[in-house]
PDB file of N, CA and C in Angstrom:
ATOM      1  N   ILE A   1      10.945 -12.331   0.230  1.00  0.00           N
ATOM      2  CA  ILE A   1      11.680 -11.197  -0.289  1.00  0.00           C
ATOM      3  C   ILE A   1      12.857 -10.938   0.663  1.00  0.00           C
ATOM      4  N   PRO A   2      14.052 -10.862   0.111  1.00  0.00           N
ATOM      5  CA  PRO A   2      15.229 -10.672   0.968  1.00  0.00           C
ATOM      6  C   PRO A   2      15.147  -9.400   1.816  1.00  0.00           C
ATOM      7  N   GLN A   3      15.716  -9.455   2.997  1.00  0.00           N
ATOM      8  CA  GLN A   3      15.693  -8.314   3.922  1.00  0.00           C
ATOM      9  C   GLN A   3      16.320  -7.064   3.318  1.00  0.00           C
ATOM     10  N   GLU A   4      17.344  -7.238   2.490  1.00  0.00           N
ATOM     11  CA  GLU A   4      18.057  -6.095   1.935  1.00  0.00           C
ATOM     12  C   GLU A   4      17.475  -5.621   0.597  1.00  0.00           C
ATOM     13  N   HIS A   5      16.356  -6.194   0.188  1.00  0.00           N
ATOM     14  CA  HIS A   5      15.722  -5.822  -1.084  1.00  0.00           C
ATOM     15  C   HIS A   5      15.349  -4.339  -1.068  1.00  0.00           C
ATOM     16  N   ILE A   6      15.560  -3.673  -2.189  1.00  0.00           N
ATOM     17  CA  ILE A   6      15.340  -2.221  -2.264  1.00  0.00           C
ATOM     18  C   ILE A   6      13.910  -1.827  -1.911  1.00  0.00           C
ATOM     19  N   LEU A   7      12.929  -2.601  -2.353  1.00  0.00           N
ATOM     20  CA  LEU A   7      11.546  -2.262  -2.024  1.00  0.00           C
ATOM     21  C   LEU A   7      11.258  -2.484  -0.541  1.00  0.00           C
ATOM     22  N   ARG A   8      11.822  -3.517   0.021  1.00  0.00           N
ATOM     23  CA  ARG A   8      11.590  -3.786   1.444  1.00  0.00           C
ATOM     24  C   ARG A   8      12.205  -2.693   2.315  1.00  0.00           C
ATOM     25  N   THR A   9      13.428  -2.293   2.015  1.00  0.00           N
ATOM     26  CA  THR A   9      14.068  -1.267   2.823  1.00  0.00           C
ATOM     27  C   THR A   9      13.367   0.081   2.668  1.00  0.00           C
ATOM     28  N   ASN A  10      12.950   0.400   1.445  1.00  0.00           N
ATOM     29  CA  ASN A  10      12.209   1.645   1.239  1.00  0.00           C
ATOM     30  C   ASN A  10      10.847   1.594   1.910  1.00  0.00           C
ATOM     31  N   ALA A  11      10.182   0.458   1.835  1.00  0.00           N
ATOM     32  CA  ALA A  11       8.864   0.317   2.468  1.00  0.00           C
ATOM     33  C   ALA A  11       8.978   0.513   3.973  1.00  0.00           C
ATOM     34  N   ARG A  12       9.997  -0.059   4.561  1.00  0.00           N
ATOM     35  CA  ARG A  12      10.183   0.072   6.010  1.00  0.00           C
ATOM     36  C   ARG A  12      10.397   1.544   6.395  1.00  0.00           C
ATOM     37  N   THR A  13      11.276   2.212   5.687  1.00  0.00           N
ATOM     38  CA  THR A  13      11.570   3.619   5.969  1.00  0.00           C
ATOM     39  C   THR A  13      10.345   4.502   5.757  1.00  0.00           C
ATOM     40  N   LEU A  14       9.667   4.299   4.636  1.00  0.00           N
ATOM     41  CA  LEU A  14       8.508   5.139   4.317  1.00  0.00           C
ATOM     42  C   LEU A  14       7.316   4.845   5.220  1.00  0.00           C
ATOM     43  N   ALA A  15       7.147   3.590   5.639  1.00  0.00           N
ATOM     44  CA  ALA A  15       6.059   3.260   6.562  1.00  0.00           C
ATOM     45  C   ALA A  15       6.293   3.928   7.912  1.00  0.00           C
ATOM     46  N   GLU A  16       7.540   3.956   8.355  1.00  0.00           N
ATOM     47  CA  GLU A  16       7.853   4.642   9.611  1.00  0.00           C
ATOM     48  C   GLU A  16       7.586   6.143   9.491  1.00  0.00           C
ATOM     49  N   ARG A  17       7.964   6.725   8.343  1.00  0.00           N
ATOM     50  CA  ARG A  17       7.706   8.143   8.122  1.00  0.00           C
ATOM     51  C   ARG A  17       6.197   8.411   8.083  1.00  0.00           C
ATOM     52  N   CYS A  18       5.461   7.529   7.429  1.00  0.00           N
ATOM     53  CA  CYS A  18       4.007   7.662   7.333  1.00  0.00           C
ATOM     54  C   CYS A  18       3.371   7.591   8.716  1.00  0.00           C
ATOM     55  N   SER A  19       3.805   6.637   9.512  1.00  0.00           N
ATOM     56  CA  SER A  19       3.252   6.466  10.851  1.00  0.00           C
ATOM     57  C   SER A  19       3.500   7.694  11.726  1.00  0.00           C
ATOM     58  N   SER A  20       4.714   8.197  11.709  1.00  0.00           N
ATOM     59  CA  SER A  20       4.996   9.384  12.515  1.00  0.00           C
ATOM     60  C   SER A  20       4.243  10.601  11.994  1.00  0.00           C
ATOM     61  N   SER A  21       4.015  10.656  10.688  1.00  0.00           N
ATOM     62  CA  SER A  21       3.228  11.760  10.126  1.00  0.00           C
ATOM     63  C   SER A  21       1.784  11.688  10.600  1.00  0.00           C
ATOM     64  N   TYR A  22       1.215  10.495  10.623  1.00  0.00           N
ATOM     65  CA  TYR A  22      -0.148  10.346  11.142  1.00  0.00           C
ATOM     66  C   TYR A  22      -0.210  10.751  12.617  1.00  0.00           C
ATOM     67  N   GLU A  23       0.793  10.337  13.385  1.00  0.00           N
ATOM     68  CA  GLU A  23       0.810  10.664  14.811  1.00  0.00           C
ATOM     69  C   GLU A  23       0.836  12.171  15.056  1.00  0.00           C
ATOM     70  N   SER A  24       1.488  12.904  14.163  1.00  0.00           N
ATOM     71  CA  SER A  24       1.536  14.359  14.310  1.00  0.00           C
ATOM     72  C   SER A  24       0.457  15.061  13.481  1.00  0.00           C
ATOM     73  N   LEU A  25      -0.485  14.266  12.969  1.00  0.00           N
ATOM     74  CA  LEU A  25      -1.609  14.765  12.170  1.00  0.00           C
ATOM     75  C   LEU A  25      -1.157  15.495  10.905  1.00  0.00           C
ATOM     76  N   ASP A  26      -0.031  15.083  10.367  1.00  0.00           N
ATOM     77  CA  ASP A  26       0.485  15.637   9.113  1.00  0.00           C
ATOM     78  C   ASP A  26       0.079  14.692   7.980  1.00  0.00           C
ATOM     79  N   PHE A  27      -1.178  14.814   7.569  1.00  0.00           N
ATOM     80  CA  PHE A  27      -1.737  13.899   6.585  1.00  0.00           C
ATOM     81  C   PHE A  27      -1.086  14.045   5.211  1.00  0.00           C
ATOM     82  N   ARG A  28      -0.671  15.241   4.889  1.00  0.00           N
ATOM     83  CA  ARG A  28      -0.009  15.446   3.600  1.00  0.00           C
ATOM     84  C   ARG A  28       1.273  14.615   3.524  1.00  0.00           C
ATOM     85  N   SER A  29       2.086  14.687   4.556  1.00  0.00           N
ATOM     86  CA  SER A  29       3.340  13.925   4.567  1.00  0.00           C
ATOM     87  C   SER A  29       3.081  12.422   4.584  1.00  0.00           C
ATOM     88  N   ALA A  30       2.028  12.015   5.281  1.00  0.00           N
ATOM     89  CA  ALA A  30       1.675  10.585   5.312  1.00  0.00           C
ATOM     90  C   ALA A  30       1.315  10.109   3.910  1.00  0.00           C
ATOM     91  N   GLY A  31       0.502  10.882   3.218  1.00  0.00           N
ATOM     92  CA  GLY A  31       0.127  10.526   1.849  1.00  0.00           C
ATOM     93  C   GLY A  31       1.313  10.539   0.906  1.00  0.00           C
ATOM     94  N   GLU A  32       2.186  11.519   1.081  1.00  0.00           N
ATOM     95  CA  GLU A  32       3.382  11.594   0.237  1.00  0.00           C
ATOM     96  C   GLU A  32       4.277  10.376   0.430  1.00  0.00           C
ATOM     97  N   ALA A  33       4.382   9.894   1.654  1.00  0.00           N
ATOM     98  CA  ALA A  33       5.203   8.706   1.919  1.00  0.00           C
ATOM     99  C   ALA A  33       4.631   7.492   1.195  1.00  0.00           C
ATOM    100  N   ALA A  34       3.305   7.332   1.236  1.00  0.00           N
ATOM    101  CA  ALA A  34       2.666   6.200   0.551  1.00  0.00           C
ATOM    102  C   ALA A  34       2.851   6.305  -0.958  1.00  0.00           C
ATOM    103  N   LEU A  35       2.684   7.500  -1.494  1.00  0.00           N
ATOM    104  CA  LEU A  35       2.837   7.678  -2.935  1.00  0.00           C
ATOM    105  C   LEU A  35       4.287   7.528  -3.378  1.00  0.00           C
ATOM    106  N   GLU A  36       5.214   7.894  -2.509  1.00  0.00           N
ATOM    107  CA  GLU A  36       6.632   7.691  -2.821  1.00  0.00           C
ATOM    108  C   GLU A  36       6.936   6.205  -2.947  1.00  0.00           C
ATOM    109  N   LEU A  37       6.356   5.393  -2.079  1.00  0.00           N
ATOM    110  CA  LEU A  37       6.540   3.947  -2.174  1.00  0.00           C
ATOM    111  C   LEU A  37       5.978   3.440  -3.498  1.00  0.00           C
ATOM    112  N   ALA A  38       4.834   3.945  -3.897  1.00  0.00           N
ATOM    113  CA  ALA A  38       4.247   3.539  -5.176  1.00  0.00           C
ATOM    114  C   ALA A  38       5.162   3.929  -6.346  1.00  0.00           C
ATOM    115  N   ARG A  39       5.733   5.123  -6.298  1.00  0.00           N
ATOM    116  CA  ARG A  39       6.646   5.558  -7.363  1.00  0.00           C
ATOM    117  C   ARG A  39       7.901   4.683  -7.411  1.00  0.00           C
ATOM    118  N   ILE A  40       8.435   4.360  -6.239  1.00  0.00           N
ATOM    119  CA  ILE A  40       9.624   3.502  -6.192  1.00  0.00           C
ATOM    120  C   ILE A  40       9.299   2.122  -6.764  1.00  0.00           C
ATOM    121  N   GLY A  41       8.136   1.595  -6.413  1.00  0.00           N
ATOM    122  CA  GLY A  41       7.711   0.300  -6.950  1.00  0.00           C
ATOM    123  C   GLY A  41       7.537   0.339  -8.457  1.00  0.00           C
ATOM    124  N   ASN A  42       6.965   1.424  -8.968  1.00  0.00           N
ATOM    125  CA  ASN A  42       6.773   1.563 -10.406  1.00  0.00           C
ATOM    126  C   ASN A  42       8.115   1.620 -11.137  1.00  0.00           C
ATOM    127  N   LYS A  43       9.054   2.384 -10.582  1.00  0.00           N
ATOM    128  CA  LYS A  43      10.387   2.481 -11.180  1.00  0.00           C
ATOM    129  C   LYS A  43      11.091   1.126 -11.149  1.00  0.00           C
ATOM    130  N   TYR A  44      10.954   0.425 -10.016  1.00  0.00           N
ATOM    131  CA  TYR A  44      11.569  -0.898  -9.876  1.00  0.00           C
ATOM    132  C   TYR A  44      11.000  -1.857 -10.931  1.00  0.00           C
ATOM    133  N   MET A  45       9.697  -1.797 -11.147  1.00  0.00           N
ATOM    134  CA  MET A  45       9.086  -2.683 -12.136  1.00  0.00           C
ATOM    135  C   MET A  45       9.587  -2.353 -13.538  1.00  0.00           C
ATOM    136  N   ASP A  46       9.648  -1.066 -13.868  1.00  0.00           N
ATOM    137  CA  ASP A  46      10.148  -0.672 -15.184  1.00  0.00           C
ATOM    138  C   ASP A  46      11.589  -1.127 -15.400  1.00  0.00           C
ATOM    139  N   GLU A  47      12.425  -0.946 -14.384  1.00  0.00           N
ATOM    140  CA  GLU A  47      13.832  -1.304 -14.506  1.00  0.00           C
ATOM    141  C   GLU A  47      14.069  -2.813 -14.475  1.00  0.00           C
ATOM    142  N   SER A  48      13.242  -3.536 -13.730  1.00  0.00           N
ATOM    143  CA  SER A  48      13.427  -4.989 -13.594  1.00  0.00           C
ATOM    144  C   SER A  48      12.788  -5.767 -14.730  1.00  0.00           C
ATOM    145  N   ALA A  49      11.762  -5.186 -15.343  1.00  0.00           N
ATOM    146  CA  ALA A  49      11.067  -5.789 -16.487  1.00  0.00           C
ATOM    147  C   ALA A  49      10.786  -7.283 -16.280  1.00  0.00           C
ATOM    148  N   PRO A  50       9.884  -7.615 -15.350  1.00  0.00           N
ATOM    149  CA  PRO A  50       9.622  -9.037 -15.091  1.00  0.00           C
ATOM    150  C   PRO A  50       9.125  -9.792 -16.316  1.00  0.00           C
ATOM    151  N   TRP A  51       8.435  -9.121 -17.225  1.00  0.00           N
ATOM    152  CA  TRP A  51       7.952  -9.764 -18.446  1.00  0.00           C
ATOM    153  C   TRP A  51       9.127 -10.278 -19.269  1.00  0.00           C
ATOM    154  N   THR A  52      10.231  -9.535 -19.289  1.00  0.00           N
ATOM    155  CA  THR A  52      11.422  -9.969 -20.012  1.00  0.00           C
ATOM    156  C   THR A  52      12.074 -11.150 -19.307  1.00  0.00           C
ATOM    157  N   LEU A  53      12.109 -11.106 -17.990  1.00  0.00           N
ATOM    158  CA  LEU A  53      12.684 -12.221 -17.241  1.00  0.00           C
ATOM    159  C   LEU A  53      11.939 -13.519 -17.532  1.00  0.00           C
ATOM    160  N   PHE A  54      10.618 -13.457 -17.593  1.00  0.00           N
ATOM    161  CA  PHE A  54       9.835 -14.661 -17.893  1.00  0.00           C
ATOM    162  C   PHE A  54      10.102 -15.149 -19.310  1.00  0.00           C
ATOM    163  N   LYS A  55      10.204 -14.224 -20.259  1.00  0.00           N
ATOM    164  CA  LYS A  55      10.489 -14.608 -21.647  1.00  0.00           C
ATOM    165  C   LYS A  55      11.853 -15.260 -21.778  1.00  0.00           C
ATOM    166  N   GLU A  56      12.802 -14.825 -20.946  1.00  0.00           N
ATOM    167  CA  GLU A  56      14.155 -15.376 -20.977  1.00  0.00           C
ATOM    168  C   GLU A  56      14.276 -16.663 -20.160  1.00  0.00           C
ATOM    169  N   GLY A  57      13.187 -17.118 -19.592  1.00  0.00           N
ATOM    170  CA  GLY A  57      13.212 -18.351 -18.806  1.00  0.00           C
ATOM    171  C   GLY A  57      13.681 -18.158 -17.372  1.00  0.00           C
ATOM    172  N   LYS A  58      13.820 -16.929 -16.951  1.00  0.00           N
ATOM    173  CA  LYS A  58      14.264 -16.627 -15.584  1.00  0.00           C
ATOM    174  C   LYS A  58      13.035 -16.458 -14.686  1.00  0.00           C
ATOM    175  N   LYS A  59      12.294 -17.544 -14.567  1.00  0.00           N
ATOM    176  CA  LYS A  59      11.013 -17.494 -13.867  1.00  0.00           C
ATOM    177  C   LYS A  59      11.153 -17.139 -12.386  1.00  0.00           C
ATOM    178  N   GLU A  60      12.150 -17.683 -11.735  1.00  0.00           N
ATOM    179  CA  GLU A  60      12.306 -17.414 -10.306  1.00  0.00           C
ATOM    180  C   GLU A  60      12.595 -15.929 -10.063  1.00  0.00           C
ATOM    181  N   GLN A  61      13.474 -15.349 -10.879  1.00  0.00           N
ATOM    182  CA  GLN A  61      13.766 -13.921 -10.753  1.00  0.00           C
ATOM    183  C   GLN A  61      12.515 -13.092 -11.048  1.00  0.00           C
ATOM    184  N   GLY A  62      11.784 -13.459 -12.081  1.00  0.00           N
ATOM    185  CA  GLY A  62      10.550 -12.753 -12.423  1.00  0.00           C
ATOM    186  C   GLY A  62       9.529 -12.844 -11.309  1.00  0.00           C
ATOM    187  N   PHE A  63       9.451 -14.012 -10.677  1.00  0.00           N
ATOM    188  CA  PHE A  63       8.534 -14.212  -9.565  1.00  0.00           C
ATOM    189  C   PHE A  63       8.894 -13.313  -8.392  1.00  0.00           C
ATOM    190  N   VAL A  64      10.183 -13.213  -8.079  1.00  0.00           N
ATOM    191  CA  VAL A  64      10.636 -12.356  -6.970  1.00  0.00           C
ATOM    192  C   VAL A  64      10.286 -10.896  -7.265  1.00  0.00           C
ATOM    193  N   VAL A  65      10.498 -10.457  -8.501  1.00  0.00           N
ATOM    194  CA  VAL A  65      10.169  -9.084  -8.874  1.00  0.00           C
ATOM    195  C   VAL A  65       8.684  -8.834  -8.680  1.00  0.00           C
ATOM    196  N   LEU A  66       7.843  -9.711  -9.211  1.00  0.00           N
ATOM    197  CA  LEU A  66       6.389  -9.516  -9.102  1.00  0.00           C
ATOM    198  C   LEU A  66       5.921  -9.561  -7.657  1.00  0.00           C
ATOM    199  N   MET A  67       6.422 -10.495  -6.872  1.00  0.00           N
ATOM    200  CA  MET A  67       6.011 -10.589  -5.472  1.00  0.00           C
ATOM    201  C   MET A  67       6.453  -9.353  -4.689  1.00  0.00           C
ATOM    202  N   SER A  68       7.620  -8.845  -5.009  1.00  0.00           N
ATOM    203  CA  SER A  68       8.115  -7.640  -4.343  1.00  0.00           C
ATOM    204  C   SER A  68       7.224  -6.447  -4.651  1.00  0.00           C
ATOM    205  N   ILE A  69       6.837  -6.323  -5.890  1.00  0.00           N
ATOM    206  CA  ILE A  69       5.966  -5.219  -6.295  1.00  0.00           C
ATOM    207  C   ILE A  69       4.603  -5.348  -5.629  1.00  0.00           C
ATOM    208  N   LEU A  70       4.035  -6.541  -5.633  1.00  0.00           N
ATOM    209  CA  LEU A  70       2.730  -6.737  -5.003  1.00  0.00           C
ATOM    210  C   LEU A  70       2.775  -6.452  -3.508  1.00  0.00           C
ATOM    211  N   GLU A  71       3.859  -6.824  -2.868  1.00  0.00           N
ATOM    212  CA  GLU A  71       3.997  -6.548  -1.434  1.00  0.00           C
ATOM    213  C   GLU A  71       4.101  -5.046  -1.191  1.00  0.00           C
ATOM    214  N   SER A  72       4.798  -4.328  -2.055  1.00  0.00           N
ATOM    215  CA  SER A  72       4.893  -2.880  -1.878  1.00  0.00           C
ATOM    216  C   SER A  72       3.540  -2.218  -2.113  1.00  0.00           C
ATOM    217  N   VAL A  73       2.736  -2.750  -3.017  1.00  0.00           N
ATOM    218  CA  VAL A  73       1.379  -2.235  -3.231  1.00  0.00           C
ATOM    219  C   VAL A  73       0.536  -2.472  -1.978  1.00  0.00           C
ATOM    220  N   ARG A  74       0.659  -3.655  -1.390  1.00  0.00           N
ATOM    221  CA  ARG A  74      -0.087  -3.964  -0.166  1.00  0.00           C
ATOM    222  C   ARG A  74       0.291  -2.997   0.955  1.00  0.00           C
ATOM    223  N   ILE A  75       1.578  -2.744   1.110  1.00  0.00           N
ATOM    224  CA  ILE A  75       2.035  -1.840   2.168  1.00  0.00           C
ATOM    225  C   ILE A  75       1.545  -0.421   1.908  1.00  0.00           C
ATOM    226  N   ALA A  76       1.591   0.018   0.652  1.00  0.00           N
ATOM    227  CA  ALA A  76       1.085   1.358   0.313  1.00  0.00           C
ATOM    228  C   ALA A  76      -0.403   1.461   0.643  1.00  0.00           C
ATOM    229  N   ALA A  77      -1.158   0.394   0.401  1.00  0.00           N
ATOM    230  CA  ALA A  77      -2.594   0.398   0.730  1.00  0.00           C
ATOM    231  C   ALA A  77      -2.804   0.544   2.236  1.00  0.00           C
ATOM    232  N   VAL A  78      -1.984  -0.131   3.020  1.00  0.00           N
ATOM    233  CA  VAL A  78      -2.068  -0.003   4.481  1.00  0.00           C
ATOM    234  C   VAL A  78      -1.747   1.430   4.897  1.00  0.00           C
ATOM    235  N   MET A  79      -0.743   2.010   4.276  1.00  0.00           N
ATOM    236  CA  MET A  79      -0.341   3.365   4.606  1.00  0.00           C
ATOM    237  C   MET A  79      -1.449   4.377   4.269  1.00  0.00           C
ATOM    238  N   LEU A  80      -2.199   4.114   3.232  1.00  0.00           N
ATOM    239  CA  LEU A  80      -3.257   5.035   2.795  1.00  0.00           C
ATOM    240  C   LEU A  80      -4.583   4.831   3.521  1.00  0.00           C
ATOM    241  N   LYS A  81      -4.737   3.714   4.200  1.00  0.00           N
ATOM    242  CA  LYS A  81      -6.031   3.350   4.781  1.00  0.00           C
ATOM    243  C   LYS A  81      -6.662   4.432   5.662  1.00  0.00           C
ATOM    244  N   PRO A  82      -5.932   5.114   6.534  1.00  0.00           N
ATOM    245  CA  PRO A  82      -6.584   6.138   7.357  1.00  0.00           C
ATOM    246  C   PRO A  82      -7.196   7.292   6.551  1.00  0.00           C
ATOM    247  N   MET A  83      -6.649   7.559   5.369  1.00  0.00           N
ATOM    248  CA  MET A  83      -7.157   8.681   4.570  1.00  0.00           C
ATOM    249  C   MET A  83      -8.187   8.258   3.532  1.00  0.00           C
ATOM    250  N   VAL A  84      -7.971   7.119   2.919  1.00  0.00           N
ATOM    251  CA  VAL A  84      -8.873   6.649   1.864  1.00  0.00           C
ATOM    252  C   VAL A  84      -9.187   5.163   2.091  1.00  0.00           C
ATOM    253  N   PRO A  85     -10.001   4.879   3.101  1.00  0.00           N
ATOM    254  CA  PRO A  85     -10.256   3.478   3.452  1.00  0.00           C
ATOM    255  C   PRO A  85     -10.919   2.678   2.330  1.00  0.00           C
ATOM    256  N   ASP A  86     -11.793   3.304   1.558  1.00  0.00           N
ATOM    257  CA  ASP A  86     -12.450   2.571   0.469  1.00  0.00           C
ATOM    258  C   ASP A  86     -11.450   2.156  -0.602  1.00  0.00           C
ATOM    259  N   LEU A  87     -10.551   3.054  -0.960  1.00  0.00           N
ATOM    260  CA  LEU A  87      -9.518   2.729  -1.942  1.00  0.00           C
ATOM    261  C   LEU A  87      -8.607   1.630  -1.414  1.00  0.00           C
ATOM    262  N   SER A  88      -8.231   1.736  -0.167  1.00  0.00           N
ATOM    263  CA  SER A  88      -7.378   0.731   0.448  1.00  0.00           C
ATOM    264  C   SER A  88      -8.045  -0.646   0.401  1.00  0.00           C
ATOM    265  N   LEU A  89      -9.331  -0.684   0.701  1.00  0.00           N
ATOM    266  CA  LEU A  89     -10.074  -1.949   0.653  1.00  0.00           C
ATOM    267  C   LEU A  89     -10.113  -2.510  -0.767  1.00  0.00           C
ATOM    268  N   LYS A  90     -10.325  -1.654  -1.753  1.00  0.00           N
ATOM    269  CA  LYS A  90     -10.356  -2.110  -3.153  1.00  0.00           C
ATOM    270  C   LYS A  90      -9.005  -2.693  -3.565  1.00  0.00           C
ATOM    271  N   ILE A  91      -7.934  -2.054  -3.149  1.00  0.00           N
ATOM    272  CA  ILE A  91      -6.599  -2.568  -3.454  1.00  0.00           C
ATOM    273  C   ILE A  91      -6.422  -3.930  -2.805  1.00  0.00           C
ATOM    274  N   TYR A  92      -6.811  -4.049  -1.549  1.00  0.00           N
ATOM    275  CA  TYR A  92      -6.708  -5.327  -0.843  1.00  0.00           C
ATOM    276  C   TYR A  92      -7.499  -6.411  -1.563  1.00  0.00           C
ATOM    277  N   GLN A  93      -8.689  -6.097  -2.001  1.00  0.00           N
ATOM    278  CA  GLN A  93      -9.513  -7.074  -2.706  1.00  0.00           C
ATOM    279  C   GLN A  93      -8.876  -7.483  -4.029  1.00  0.00           C
ATOM    280  N   GLN A  94      -8.289  -6.524  -4.738  1.00  0.00           N
ATOM    281  CA  GLN A  94      -7.622  -6.852  -5.994  1.00  0.00           C
ATOM    282  C   GLN A  94      -6.409  -7.739  -5.763  1.00  0.00           C
ATOM    283  N   LEU A  95      -5.811  -7.623  -4.598  1.00  0.00           N
ATOM    284  CA  LEU A  95      -4.664  -8.470  -4.266  1.00  0.00           C
ATOM    285  C   LEU A  95      -5.092  -9.847  -3.748  1.00  0.00           C
ATOM    286  N   GLY A  96      -6.399 -10.022  -3.580  1.00  0.00           N
ATOM    287  CA  GLY A  96      -6.901 -11.327  -3.166  1.00  0.00           C
ATOM    288  C   GLY A  96      -7.160 -11.463  -1.674  1.00  0.00           C
ATOM    289  N   PHE A  97      -7.085 -10.341  -0.944  1.00  0.00           N
ATOM    290  CA  PHE A  97      -7.378 -10.370   0.492  1.00  0.00           C
ATOM    291  C   PHE A  97      -8.850 -10.020   0.710  1.00  0.00           C
ATOM    292  N   SER A  98      -9.373 -10.454   1.848  1.00  0.00           N
ATOM    293  CA  SER A  98     -10.771 -10.119   2.143  1.00  0.00           C
ATOM    294  C   SER A  98     -10.865  -9.215   3.348  1.00  0.00           C
TER     295      SER A  98
END
């Protein structure tokens, strides 16, 4: 995923915000940062429509969209782990991690 990709840059910013929120014991802000990443990923998926890219034969573009979304889901799971470790583990398992 390119360094300047919208999901990557947002993930980096929101992960830093989440981390500093945990350090100051501001769990609400930490959770909000993780959920904001999820919302951005959802909007990106709706706007990018990877299913349409695949139908149009643009497989490489569709692959980049899907991989970007999956990576943002993984990062959101990491961000949520201190508050909801069981949910984070389930997300990791669904992504194929052990």
